[in-house]
Amino acid sequence: MNLLSSASVFSFFTLISRILGYLRDILIAIFLGASIFADAFFVAFRLPNTFRRLFAEGTFNAAFIPSYTSVKIVDKKKGKKFADDVLSSLLLILLFIVTLVEIFTPLLIYIIAPGFLDDQIKFNLAVELTRITFPFLLFVSLSSFFAGILNSNNKFAAAAAAPIILNLVLILSLIYSFMQGLDYAKQLSYGVTMAGIIQLFFLMYVTKKFYKPDLNFSLKLNSKVKFFFKKLLPSVLSSGVTQINILVGTIIASFQTGAVSYLYYADRVYQINLAIAGIAVGTVSLPVLSKAFKMKNVKKISNIQNKSFELSLLFSIPASFGLIIASNEIVNALFGYGSFSLNDVEMTSSALKFFGYGVPAFALIKILSNFFFARDNTKTPFYISTFIVFLNILISVSFFNRIGFIIIPIATSISTWVGVFIYIYVLSNKKILLLKNQLIKTFIKIIISTFIMSSILLFSLDKFAGYLDYNYNYKAVYLISIVSFVGMFYLLSCYLLGILKLKNYKTNL
């Protein structure tokens, strides 16, 4: 397997999904803006969507793939039995959780959006929409199981393509609502659950070649299955620390009108960079890293670690600079239409800029936690992630009353960077981190390419400032053209400096 080519396949489908996601969010911004309806929908969508990110974007894999791989390597039949037991137990657990949430939805909204209590209409709307969207959790979590089967067989395309379904369905829901004059927020909510169902059946069909489920609802589980579920929760919490921080941010932001929407739109923009720099690299590297640890291949472990670092920095550093420099232009071009006012643009772009500072950290957390997950160690990442979340809450709560919601992206970025340094310290102490001097040379080359890219970006934004104005209808076309040109120039400079060579990322095992 080639790490770069596999990550590229994963990134390609993820990119398509995110582009459609942006189109979806542009339509939401046009029709709903940052209104109470938008706030209510985003809260209703936040919880199941957070779980989607937690489970589908590598977190479930972090617990499942090492366990599944270790069993399958020894005996394929036992591997099949292990998968069946995990799927059966997961289904029962999810049915219980969804039923419980449907009954106690008002309590849930009180917990995740306490600020909504000041507006009873918004609160009741959020309760109604959450009851419609929450079954999505069941279907997307089961989808992540089948994606894990595919990823463990080094098949990443279908799993990466599956989220496209969600965005297509939501876009169609908005168009249908517009044509029929229906409630946008409610139709979007129905679309969320419908997309989850379609996504599940799609992945079940694709996975047939590698796995056909035989459900067994026995309460007697073998030791390996028990061990898997024992480490699943810590794995979810630790690998998904960025998403948990965003959820925490939503809770705090609910006390400020429009803040939930501002954070949502900003989150949507930087997530595409995280998907490529962190999730894609982490997802494709975990299977081979797990096998390398099982086989005690130190040379291979070191190679995968270094290449994972290189790829993550290759995409995250220029993304960080780009978001910081062009946050206003990006938000304006993507969402500055219809009900989304100039003030909404300014608020969202401020949040995006501070998220931008944290993008490399968000990506590296995914990579660094994998070094533990591949060894079936979920406790250490759990402890580190708990500290990160606690630090984020402490900073956010301490300064929220002084500077408002903008402290949330600041706190998220600061706490995650602290987490990165803690990870590096612990990994180095345990002699698990096997980095080479070559990584420093690559890092310097990435920085050089990024500074060249940033200079061209600043010049382009100034040159075409009039075409990026809020009132110009075709500003998105100019921004996409600028980003494409600048991005191609960055990749070209990386290639000329010898960073982008396919053979350098070969990780056959």
Protein backbone atom coordinates (compact mmCIF):
# COMPACT_ATOMS: atom_id res chain seq x y z
CA MET A 1 0.00 0.00 0.00
CA ASN A 2 1.15 3.51 -0.77
CA LEU A 3 0.28 5.91 2.01
CA LEU A 4 0.10 8.97 -0.26
CA SER A 5 -2.02 7.33 -2.98
CA SER A 6 -4.42 5.77 -0.43
CA ALA A 7 -4.72 9.08 1.41
CA SER A 8 -5.31 10.77 -1.95
CA VAL A 9 -8.18 8.40 -2.79
CA PHE A 10 -9.71 8.98 0.63
CA SER A 11 -9.15 12.73 0.33
CA PHE A 12 -10.68 12.88 -3.17
CA PHE A 13 -14.02 11.46 -2.08
CA THR A 14 -13.88 13.46 1.13
CA LEU A 15 -13.25 16.59 -0.94
CA ILE A 16 -16.30 15.86 -3.12
CA SER A 17 -18.37 15.34 0.03
CA ARG A 18 -17.14 18.61 1.56
CA ILE A 19 -17.79 20.58 -1.64
CA LEU A 20 -21.35 19.29 -1.65
CA GLY A 21 -21.46 20.07 2.07
CA TYR A 22 -20.50 23.66 1.30
CA LEU A 23 -23.22 23.86 -1.33
CA ARG A 24 -25.66 22.52 1.26
CA ASP A 25 -24.54 25.10 3.83
CA ILE A 26 -24.66 27.92 1.27
CA LEU A 27 -28.31 27.03 0.65
CA ILE A 28 -28.97 26.86 4.40
CA ALA A 29 -27.30 30.25 4.83
CA ILE A 30 -29.44 31.72 2.03
CA PHE A 31 -32.74 30.36 3.35
CA LEU A 32 -32.14 30.38 7.12
CA GLY A 33 -29.17 32.70 7.72
CA ALA A 34 -28.31 32.87 11.42
CA SER A 35 -31.97 32.90 12.56
CA ILE A 36 -33.56 31.01 15.45
CA PHE A 37 -34.57 28.33 12.92
CA ALA A 38 -30.92 27.94 11.88
CA ASP A 39 -29.78 27.82 15.52
CA ALA A 40 -32.43 25.19 16.37
CA PHE A 41 -31.56 23.01 13.36
CA PHE A 42 -27.82 23.23 13.99
CA VAL A 43 -28.29 22.15 17.60
CA ALA A 44 -30.58 19.31 16.50
CA PHE A 45 -28.05 18.30 13.87
CA ARG A 46 -24.99 18.86 16.05
CA LEU A 47 -25.33 15.85 18.32
CA PRO A 48 -25.96 13.11 15.71
CA ASN A 49 -23.48 14.81 13.37
CA THR A 50 -20.87 14.87 16.13
CA PHE A 51 -21.37 11.15 16.53
CA ARG A 52 -21.10 10.78 12.75
CA ARG A 53 -17.72 12.44 12.88
CA LEU A 54 -16.69 10.49 15.97
CA PHE A 55 -17.63 7.13 14.51
CA ALA A 56 -17.32 7.54 10.77
CA GLU A 57 -14.20 9.67 10.56
CA GLY A 58 -11.68 7.33 12.05
CA THR A 59 -12.65 7.07 15.72
CA PHE A 60 -14.52 3.78 15.48
CA ASN A 61 -11.66 2.50 13.34
CA ALA A 62 -9.20 3.39 16.08
CA ALA A 63 -10.79 0.80 18.36
CA PHE A 64 -12.10 -1.70 15.81
CA ILE A 65 -9.29 -2.14 13.28
CA PRO A 66 -6.48 -3.13 15.71
CA SER A 67 -8.77 -5.66 17.47
CA TYR A 68 -10.26 -7.03 14.24
CA THR A 69 -6.85 -7.24 12.57
CA SER A 70 -5.23 -9.10 15.48
CA VAL A 71 -7.99 -11.77 15.41
CA LYS A 72 -8.21 -12.06 11.62
CA ILE A 73 -4.43 -12.48 11.21
CA VAL A 74 -4.56 -15.62 13.38
CA ASP A 75 -7.87 -17.09 12.11
CA LYS A 76 -10.25 -15.67 9.45
CA LYS A 77 -13.25 -17.58 10.87
CA LYS A 78 -12.62 -16.15 14.33
CA GLY A 79 -12.27 -12.72 12.71
CA LYS A 80 -15.72 -13.19 11.15
CA LYS A 81 -17.19 -14.29 14.49
CA PHE A 82 -15.61 -11.30 16.22
CA ALA A 83 -17.15 -8.91 13.67
CA ASP A 84 -20.59 -10.55 14.03
CA ASP A 85 -20.51 -10.23 17.81
CA VAL A 86 -19.42 -6.58 17.65
CA LEU A 87 -22.16 -5.72 15.13
CA SER A 88 -24.88 -7.48 17.14
CA SER A 89 -23.87 -5.81 20.40
CA LEU A 90 -23.49 -2.42 18.71
CA LEU A 91 -27.01 -2.67 17.27
CA LEU A 92 -28.54 -3.38 20.69
CA ILE A 93 -26.62 -0.55 22.38
CA LEU A 94 -27.58 1.96 19.68
CA LEU A 95 -31.28 1.01 19.78
CA PHE A 96 -31.25 1.56 23.55
CA ILE A 97 -29.51 4.97 23.26
CA VAL A 98 -31.80 6.25 20.49
CA THR A 99 -34.93 5.15 22.39
CA LEU A 100 -33.67 6.82 25.57
CA VAL A 101 -32.89 10.10 23.77
CA GLU A 102 -36.25 10.16 22.00
CA ILE A 103 -37.97 9.96 25.40
CA PHE A 104 -35.78 12.51 27.19
CA THR A 105 -35.07 14.94 24.32
CA PRO A 106 -36.03 18.09 26.30
CA LEU A 107 -33.46 17.17 28.95
CA LEU A 108 -30.84 16.64 26.25
CA ILE A 109 -31.50 20.08 24.71
CA TYR A 110 -31.28 21.60 28.16
CA ILE A 111 -27.81 20.04 28.51
CA ILE A 112 -26.38 20.86 25.06
CA ALA A 113 -28.10 24.23 24.54
CA PRO A 114 -28.99 25.66 27.97
CA GLY A 115 -29.10 29.17 26.55
CA PHE A 116 -32.20 28.22 24.52
CA LEU A 117 -34.30 28.24 27.70
CA ASP A 118 -34.47 32.01 27.40
CA ASP A 119 -36.42 31.57 24.15
CA GLN A 120 -39.17 28.96 24.53
CA ILE A 121 -39.98 28.93 20.81
CA LYS A 122 -36.37 28.15 19.92
CA PHE A 123 -36.16 25.52 22.69
CA ASN A 124 -39.34 23.70 21.58
CA LEU A 125 -38.24 23.82 17.94
CA ALA A 126 -34.85 22.33 18.85
CA VAL A 127 -36.61 19.50 20.76
CA GLU A 128 -38.88 18.73 17.79
CA LEU A 129 -36.04 18.73 15.25
CA THR A 130 -33.74 16.64 17.47
CA ARG A 131 -36.37 13.90 17.73
CA ILE A 132 -36.45 13.77 13.94
CA THR A 133 -32.68 13.80 13.39
CA PHE A 134 -31.42 11.60 16.23
CA PRO A 135 -32.16 8.17 14.61
CA PHE A 136 -29.40 9.19 12.19
CA LEU A 137 -27.01 8.17 14.97
CA LEU A 138 -28.15 4.54 14.72
CA PHE A 139 -27.67 4.28 10.97
CA VAL A 140 -24.40 6.21 10.72
CA SER A 141 -22.82 4.26 13.59
CA LEU A 142 -23.69 0.96 11.91
CA SER A 143 -22.34 2.41 8.68
CA SER A 144 -19.04 3.11 10.42
CA PHE A 145 -18.80 -0.59 11.34
CA PHE A 146 -19.00 -1.64 7.70
CA ALA A 147 -16.57 1.14 6.79
CA GLY A 148 -14.18 -0.33 9.37
CA ILE A 149 -14.40 -3.72 7.63
CA LEU A 150 -13.52 -2.08 4.32
CA ASN A 151 -10.67 0.00 5.77
CA SER A 152 -9.15 -3.05 7.48
CA ASN A 153 -8.93 -4.59 3.99
CA ASN A 154 -7.24 -1.41 2.70
CA LYS A 155 -10.36 -0.41 0.75
CA PHE A 156 -10.96 3.25 1.50
CA ALA A 157 -12.94 4.64 -1.45
CA ALA A 158 -16.49 3.52 -0.57
CA ALA A 159 -16.18 4.50 3.10
CA ALA A 160 -14.89 7.93 2.11
CA ALA A 161 -17.63 8.34 -0.51
CA ALA A 162 -20.53 7.40 1.80
CA PRO A 163 -20.90 10.87 3.44
CA ILE A 164 -21.62 12.27 -0.03
CA ILE A 165 -25.08 10.73 0.36
CA LEU A 166 -25.88 12.94 3.37
CA ASN A 167 -25.05 16.14 1.53
CA LEU A 168 -26.92 15.14 -1.63
CA VAL A 169 -30.06 14.26 0.33
CA LEU A 170 -29.96 17.51 2.33
CA ILE A 171 -29.48 19.59 -0.84
CA LEU A 172 -32.46 17.84 -2.43
CA SER A 173 -34.48 18.40 0.77
CA LEU A 174 -33.81 22.16 0.59
CA ILE A 175 -34.70 22.34 -3.11
CA TYR A 176 -37.88 20.33 -2.52
CA SER A 177 -38.83 22.57 0.43
CA PHE A 178 -38.31 25.68 -1.70
CA MET A 179 -40.42 24.34 -4.57
CA GLN A 180 -43.23 23.15 -2.30
CA GLY A 181 -43.12 26.04 0.18
CA LEU A 182 -42.40 23.75 3.13
CA ASP A 183 -40.63 24.30 6.46
CA TYR A 184 -36.88 24.28 5.61
CA ALA A 185 -35.66 23.26 9.06
CA LYS A 186 -38.11 20.37 9.41
CA GLN A 187 -37.48 18.97 5.93
CA LEU A 188 -33.74 19.18 6.52
CA SER A 189 -34.20 17.17 9.71
CA TYR A 190 -36.15 14.43 7.90
CA GLY A 191 -33.42 14.44 5.24
CA VAL A 192 -30.73 13.75 7.86
CA THR A 193 -32.36 10.52 9.01
CA MET A 194 -33.21 9.40 5.46
CA ALA A 195 -29.57 9.93 4.42
CA GLY A 196 -28.40 7.73 7.29
CA ILE A 197 -30.60 4.86 6.07
CA ILE A 198 -29.37 5.13 2.47
CA GLN A 199 -25.74 5.36 3.59
CA LEU A 200 -26.05 2.19 5.68
CA PHE A 201 -27.53 0.10 2.86
CA PHE A 202 -24.88 1.41 0.44
CA LEU A 203 -21.99 0.31 2.67
CA MET A 204 -23.63 -3.03 3.46
CA TYR A 205 -23.83 -3.72 -0.27
CA VAL A 206 -20.20 -2.73 -0.95
CA THR A 207 -18.91 -4.76 2.00
CA LYS A 208 -20.56 -8.04 0.82
CA LYS A 209 -17.33 -9.09 -0.90
CA PHE A 210 -15.43 -9.07 2.41
CA TYR A 211 -18.09 -9.66 5.04
CA LYS A 212 -21.68 -10.91 5.29
CA PRO A 213 -23.19 -10.36 8.74
CA ASP A 214 -24.76 -13.08 10.85
CA LEU A 215 -26.43 -11.37 13.79
CA ASN A 216 -26.18 -13.07 17.15
CA PHE A 217 -27.86 -11.39 20.10
CA SER A 218 -26.35 -13.60 22.78
CA LEU A 219 -25.46 -11.76 25.96
CA LYS A 220 -22.41 -14.00 26.41
CA LEU A 221 -19.48 -12.27 24.76
CA ASN A 222 -15.95 -13.63 24.43
CA SER A 223 -13.01 -11.84 26.01
CA LYS A 224 -11.87 -10.11 22.77
CA VAL A 225 -15.30 -8.59 22.14
CA LYS A 226 -15.53 -7.46 25.78
CA PHE A 227 -12.08 -5.90 25.44
CA PHE A 228 -13.16 -4.08 22.27
CA PHE A 229 -16.18 -2.46 23.93
CA LYS A 230 -14.12 -1.69 27.00
CA LYS A 231 -11.74 0.40 24.90
CA LEU A 232 -14.39 1.79 22.49
CA LEU A 233 -15.61 4.62 24.71
CA PRO A 234 -12.11 5.87 25.63
CA SER A 235 -11.21 5.61 21.96
CA VAL A 236 -14.24 7.66 20.91
CA LEU A 237 -13.51 10.34 23.49
CA SER A 238 -9.80 10.55 22.76
CA SER A 239 -9.76 10.28 18.97
CA GLY A 240 -12.69 12.65 18.66
CA VAL A 241 -11.39 15.32 21.03
CA THR A 242 -11.72 18.08 18.40
CA GLN A 243 -15.38 17.19 17.82
CA ILE A 244 -16.05 17.05 21.55
CA ASN A 245 -14.49 20.49 21.92
CA ILE A 246 -16.81 21.78 19.18
CA LEU A 247 -19.80 20.26 21.01
CA VAL A 248 -18.66 21.95 24.23
CA GLY A 249 -18.35 25.17 22.26
CA THR A 250 -21.94 24.81 21.03
CA ILE A 251 -23.19 24.45 24.59
CA ILE A 252 -21.42 27.61 25.71
CA ALA A 253 -22.32 29.53 22.52
CA SER A 254 -26.05 28.85 23.02
CA PHE A 255 -26.09 31.78 25.48
CA GLN A 256 -25.33 34.26 22.67
CA THR A 257 -27.83 34.85 19.84
CA GLY A 258 -26.51 33.64 16.49
CA ALA A 259 -23.27 32.25 17.97
CA VAL A 260 -24.25 28.62 17.39
CA SER A 261 -24.69 29.39 13.68
CA TYR A 262 -21.42 31.35 13.46
CA LEU A 263 -19.49 28.44 14.95
CA TYR A 264 -21.25 25.93 12.72
CA TYR A 265 -20.39 27.77 9.51
CA ALA A 266 -16.77 28.34 10.62
CA ASP A 267 -16.46 24.70 11.62
CA ARG A 268 -17.70 23.62 8.21
CA VAL A 269 -14.92 25.53 6.43
CA TYR A 270 -11.89 24.29 8.36
CA GLN A 271 -13.18 20.71 8.53
CA ILE A 272 -12.22 20.09 4.91
CA ASN A 273 -8.59 20.75 5.78
CA LEU A 274 -8.86 18.52 8.84
CA ALA A 275 -10.45 15.77 6.77
CA ILE A 276 -7.46 15.66 4.43
CA ALA A 277 -4.59 16.44 6.82
CA GLY A 278 -5.77 14.42 9.82
CA ILE A 279 -8.64 12.07 9.14
CA ALA A 280 -7.51 10.81 5.72
CA VAL A 281 -3.90 10.22 6.76
CA GLY A 282 -4.92 8.74 10.12
CA THR A 283 -7.50 6.41 8.58
CA VAL A 284 -5.25 4.92 5.89
CA SER A 285 -2.19 4.62 8.15
CA LEU A 286 -3.88 2.88 11.10
CA PRO A 287 -4.35 -0.59 9.46
CA VAL A 288 -0.70 -0.90 8.36
CA LEU A 289 0.54 0.62 11.63
CA SER A 290 -1.51 -1.93 13.62
CA LYS A 291 -0.04 -4.79 11.57
CA ALA A 292 3.47 -3.40 12.04
CA PHE A 293 3.02 -3.32 15.83
CA LYS A 294 1.58 -6.85 15.85
CA MET A 295 4.60 -8.07 13.86
CA LYS A 296 7.02 -5.92 15.95
CA ASN A 297 8.48 -4.43 12.76
CA VAL A 298 10.33 -1.43 14.23
CA LYS A 299 11.62 -0.19 10.87
CA LYS A 300 8.11 -0.21 9.39
CA ILE A 301 6.65 1.48 12.47
CA SER A 302 9.18 4.30 12.21
CA ASN A 303 8.57 4.68 8.47
CA ILE A 304 4.77 4.92 8.85
CA GLN A 305 5.05 7.40 11.74
CA ASN A 306 7.37 9.70 9.81
CA LYS A 307 5.36 9.59 6.59
CA SER A 308 2.13 10.22 8.52
CA PHE A 309 3.70 13.27 10.12
CA GLU A 310 4.99 14.54 6.77
CA LEU A 311 1.63 14.17 5.01
CA SER A 312 -0.28 15.74 7.88
CA LEU A 313 2.01 18.80 7.97
CA LEU A 314 2.08 18.97 4.16
CA PHE A 315 -1.66 19.69 4.08
CA SER A 316 -2.35 21.31 7.47
CA ILE A 317 0.32 24.05 7.56
CA PRO A 318 -0.65 25.77 4.25
CA ALA A 319 -4.32 25.33 5.17
CA SER A 320 -3.71 27.08 8.48
CA PHE A 321 -2.00 30.05 6.81
CA GLY A 322 -4.69 30.22 4.14
CA LEU A 323 -7.55 30.31 6.66
CA ILE A 324 -5.83 32.98 8.77
CA ILE A 325 -5.06 35.21 5.77
CA ALA A 326 -8.33 34.82 3.84
CA SER A 327 -10.93 33.99 6.51
CA ASN A 328 -13.14 36.97 5.66
CA GLU A 329 -12.98 36.37 1.90
CA ILE A 330 -13.69 32.65 2.31
CA VAL A 331 -16.76 33.10 4.52
CA ASN A 332 -18.02 35.97 2.39
CA ALA A 333 -17.70 33.97 -0.84
CA LEU A 334 -19.25 30.81 0.55
CA PHE A 335 -22.09 32.16 2.70
CA GLY A 336 -22.47 35.90 2.01
CA TYR A 337 -25.86 35.71 0.29
CA GLY A 338 -29.55 36.14 1.08
CA SER A 339 -30.34 36.03 4.81
CA PHE A 340 -26.64 35.81 5.73
CA SER A 341 -25.77 39.43 6.52
CA LEU A 342 -22.45 41.28 6.40
CA ASN A 343 -22.35 41.14 10.20
CA ASP A 344 -22.83 37.36 10.03
CA VAL A 345 -19.86 37.20 7.65
CA GLU A 346 -17.67 39.20 10.03
CA MET A 347 -18.61 37.13 13.08
CA THR A 348 -18.12 33.81 11.27
CA SER A 349 -14.81 34.84 9.70
CA SER A 350 -13.45 35.88 13.11
CA ALA A 351 -14.25 32.40 14.44
CA LEU A 352 -12.71 30.79 11.35
CA LYS A 353 -9.46 32.76 11.72
CA PHE A 354 -8.91 31.49 15.27
CA PHE A 355 -9.84 27.93 14.27
CA GLY A 356 -7.21 28.34 11.54
CA TYR A 357 -4.45 28.68 14.14
CA GLY A 358 -5.37 25.25 15.46
CA VAL A 359 -5.67 23.31 12.17
CA PRO A 360 -2.18 21.67 12.34
CA ALA A 361 -2.88 20.67 15.95
CA PHE A 362 -6.31 19.23 15.06
CA ALA A 363 -4.66 17.12 12.36
CA LEU A 364 -1.65 16.00 14.44
CA ILE A 365 -3.89 14.87 17.31
CA LYS A 366 -5.40 12.31 14.92
CA ILE A 367 -1.96 11.06 13.91
CA LEU A 368 -0.41 10.99 17.40
CA SER A 369 -3.34 9.17 19.02
CA ASN A 370 -3.02 6.44 16.36
CA PHE A 371 0.44 5.59 17.72
CA PHE A 372 -1.30 4.45 20.90
CA PHE A 373 -4.41 2.94 19.27
CA ALA A 374 -2.27 0.71 17.05
CA ARG A 375 -0.86 -0.79 20.28
CA ASP A 376 -4.39 -1.32 21.70
CA ASN A 377 -3.67 1.43 24.23
CA THR A 378 -6.75 3.66 24.61
CA LYS A 379 -6.17 4.74 28.21
CA THR A 380 -3.32 7.18 27.58
CA PRO A 381 -5.11 9.05 24.74
CA PHE A 382 -8.23 9.13 26.92
CA TYR A 383 -6.39 10.82 29.81
CA ILE A 384 -4.76 13.36 27.47
CA SER A 385 -8.04 14.10 25.71
CA THR A 386 -9.87 14.54 29.01
CA PHE A 387 -7.29 17.16 29.98
CA ILE A 388 -7.67 18.90 26.60
CA VAL A 389 -11.46 19.12 26.98
CA PHE A 390 -11.14 20.33 30.59
CA LEU A 391 -8.65 23.02 29.55
CA ASN A 392 -10.93 24.09 26.70
CA ILE A 393 -13.91 24.43 29.06
CA LEU A 394 -11.83 26.33 31.62
CA ILE A 395 -10.60 28.90 29.09
CA SER A 396 -14.00 29.27 27.39
CA VAL A 397 -16.01 29.74 30.58
CA SER A 398 -13.42 32.08 32.12
CA PHE A 399 -13.47 34.55 29.22
CA PHE A 400 -16.91 34.10 27.61
CA ASN A 401 -18.55 36.96 29.50
CA ARG A 402 -15.68 39.32 28.54
CA ILE A 403 -15.23 38.66 24.82
CA GLY A 404 -18.21 36.49 23.84
CA PHE A 405 -18.32 33.44 21.59
CA ILE A 406 -14.98 34.20 19.90
CA ILE A 407 -13.22 32.70 22.94
CA ILE A 408 -14.52 29.28 21.85
CA PRO A 409 -12.33 28.85 18.74
CA ILE A 410 -9.42 30.45 20.63
CA ALA A 411 -9.80 27.99 23.52
CA THR A 412 -10.22 25.05 21.13
CA SER A 413 -6.99 25.89 19.30
CA ILE A 414 -4.95 26.57 22.46
CA SER A 415 -6.10 23.42 24.28
CA THR A 416 -5.45 21.22 21.24
CA TRP A 417 -1.90 22.58 20.77
CA VAL A 418 -1.24 21.86 24.46
CA GLY A 419 -2.51 18.33 23.82
CA VAL A 420 -0.11 17.89 20.88
CA PHE A 421 2.90 18.77 23.03
CA ILE A 422 1.70 16.43 25.79
CA TYR A 423 1.35 13.61 23.24
CA ILE A 424 4.86 14.21 21.90
CA TYR A 425 6.30 14.29 25.43
CA VAL A 426 4.58 11.05 26.50
CA LEU A 427 5.39 9.22 23.26
CA SER A 428 9.04 10.28 23.47
CA ASN A 429 9.23 9.20 27.12
CA LYS A 430 7.83 5.77 26.27
CA LYS A 431 10.18 5.55 23.26
CA ILE A 432 7.20 4.95 20.96
CA LEU A 433 7.85 8.02 18.81
CA LEU A 434 10.49 7.05 16.27
CA LEU A 435 11.00 10.22 14.23
CA LYS A 436 13.92 10.73 11.84
CA ASN A 437 16.03 13.82 11.13
CA GLN A 438 14.62 13.78 7.60
CA LEU A 439 11.31 15.00 9.05
CA ILE A 440 12.93 18.30 10.09
CA LYS A 441 14.25 18.84 6.55
CA THR A 442 10.80 18.12 5.12
CA PHE A 443 9.22 20.50 7.63
CA ILE A 444 11.55 23.32 6.56
CA LYS A 445 10.69 22.70 2.89
CA ILE A 446 6.95 22.80 3.73
CA ILE A 447 7.43 26.12 5.55
CA ILE A 448 9.31 27.59 2.55
CA SER A 449 6.54 26.48 0.15
CA THR A 450 3.88 27.82 2.53
CA PHE A 451 5.48 31.27 2.75
CA ILE A 452 5.71 31.47 -1.05
CA MET A 453 2.05 30.38 -1.28
CA SER A 454 0.98 32.93 1.36
CA SER A 455 2.72 35.78 -0.51
CA ILE A 456 0.90 34.88 -3.73
CA LEU A 457 -2.39 34.57 -1.84
CA LEU A 458 -2.03 38.03 -0.24
CA PHE A 459 -1.19 39.58 -3.63
CA SER A 460 -4.17 37.86 -5.31
CA LEU A 461 -6.65 38.91 -2.61
CA ASP A 462 -5.50 42.52 -2.93
CA LYS A 463 -5.55 42.44 -6.74
CA PHE A 464 -9.11 41.06 -6.93
CA ALA A 465 -10.52 42.75 -3.81
CA GLY A 466 -13.35 44.38 -5.79
CA TYR A 467 -14.51 41.01 -7.09
CA LEU A 468 -14.58 39.54 -3.56
CA ASP A 469 -16.82 42.24 -2.11
CA TYR A 470 -19.97 41.21 -0.22
CA ASN A 471 -22.26 42.79 -2.83
CA TYR A 472 -20.61 41.08 -5.82
CA ASN A 473 -22.72 38.07 -6.85
CA TYR A 474 -19.94 36.03 -8.47
CA LYS A 475 -17.37 36.38 -5.68
CA ALA A 476 -17.28 32.59 -5.11
CA VAL A 477 -16.03 32.04 -8.68
CA TYR A 478 -13.09 34.40 -8.12
CA LEU A 479 -12.25 32.91 -4.74
CA ILE A 480 -12.28 29.35 -6.09
CA SER A 481 -10.03 30.46 -8.96
CA ILE A 482 -7.59 32.14 -6.55
CA VAL A 483 -7.53 29.16 -4.17
CA SER A 484 -7.05 26.71 -7.06
CA PHE A 485 -4.17 28.75 -8.52
CA VAL A 486 -2.47 29.23 -5.16
CA GLY A 487 -2.98 25.56 -4.24
CA MET A 488 -1.47 24.34 -7.52
CA PHE A 489 1.50 26.66 -7.03
CA TYR A 490 2.03 25.27 -3.52
CA LEU A 491 1.96 21.66 -4.74
CA LEU A 492 4.33 22.54 -7.59
CA SER A 493 6.81 24.13 -5.19
CA CYS A 494 6.58 21.07 -2.92
CA TYR A 495 7.26 18.82 -5.91
CA LEU A 496 10.26 20.88 -7.01
CA LEU A 497 11.62 20.74 -3.46
CA GLY A 498 11.34 16.94 -3.54
CA ILE A 499 8.49 16.51 -1.03
CA LEU A 500 5.78 15.07 -3.29
CA LYS A 501 7.36 11.84 -4.54
CA LEU A 502 4.97 8.88 -4.63
CA LYS A 503 7.70 6.29 -3.99
CA ASN A 504 8.58 7.98 -0.69
CA TYR A 505 5.24 6.98 0.82
CA LYS A 506 5.23 3.28 0.01
CA THR A 507 4.29 1.28 3.13
CA ASN A 508 3.81 -2.30 1.99
CA LEU A 509 3.62 -4.78 4.81
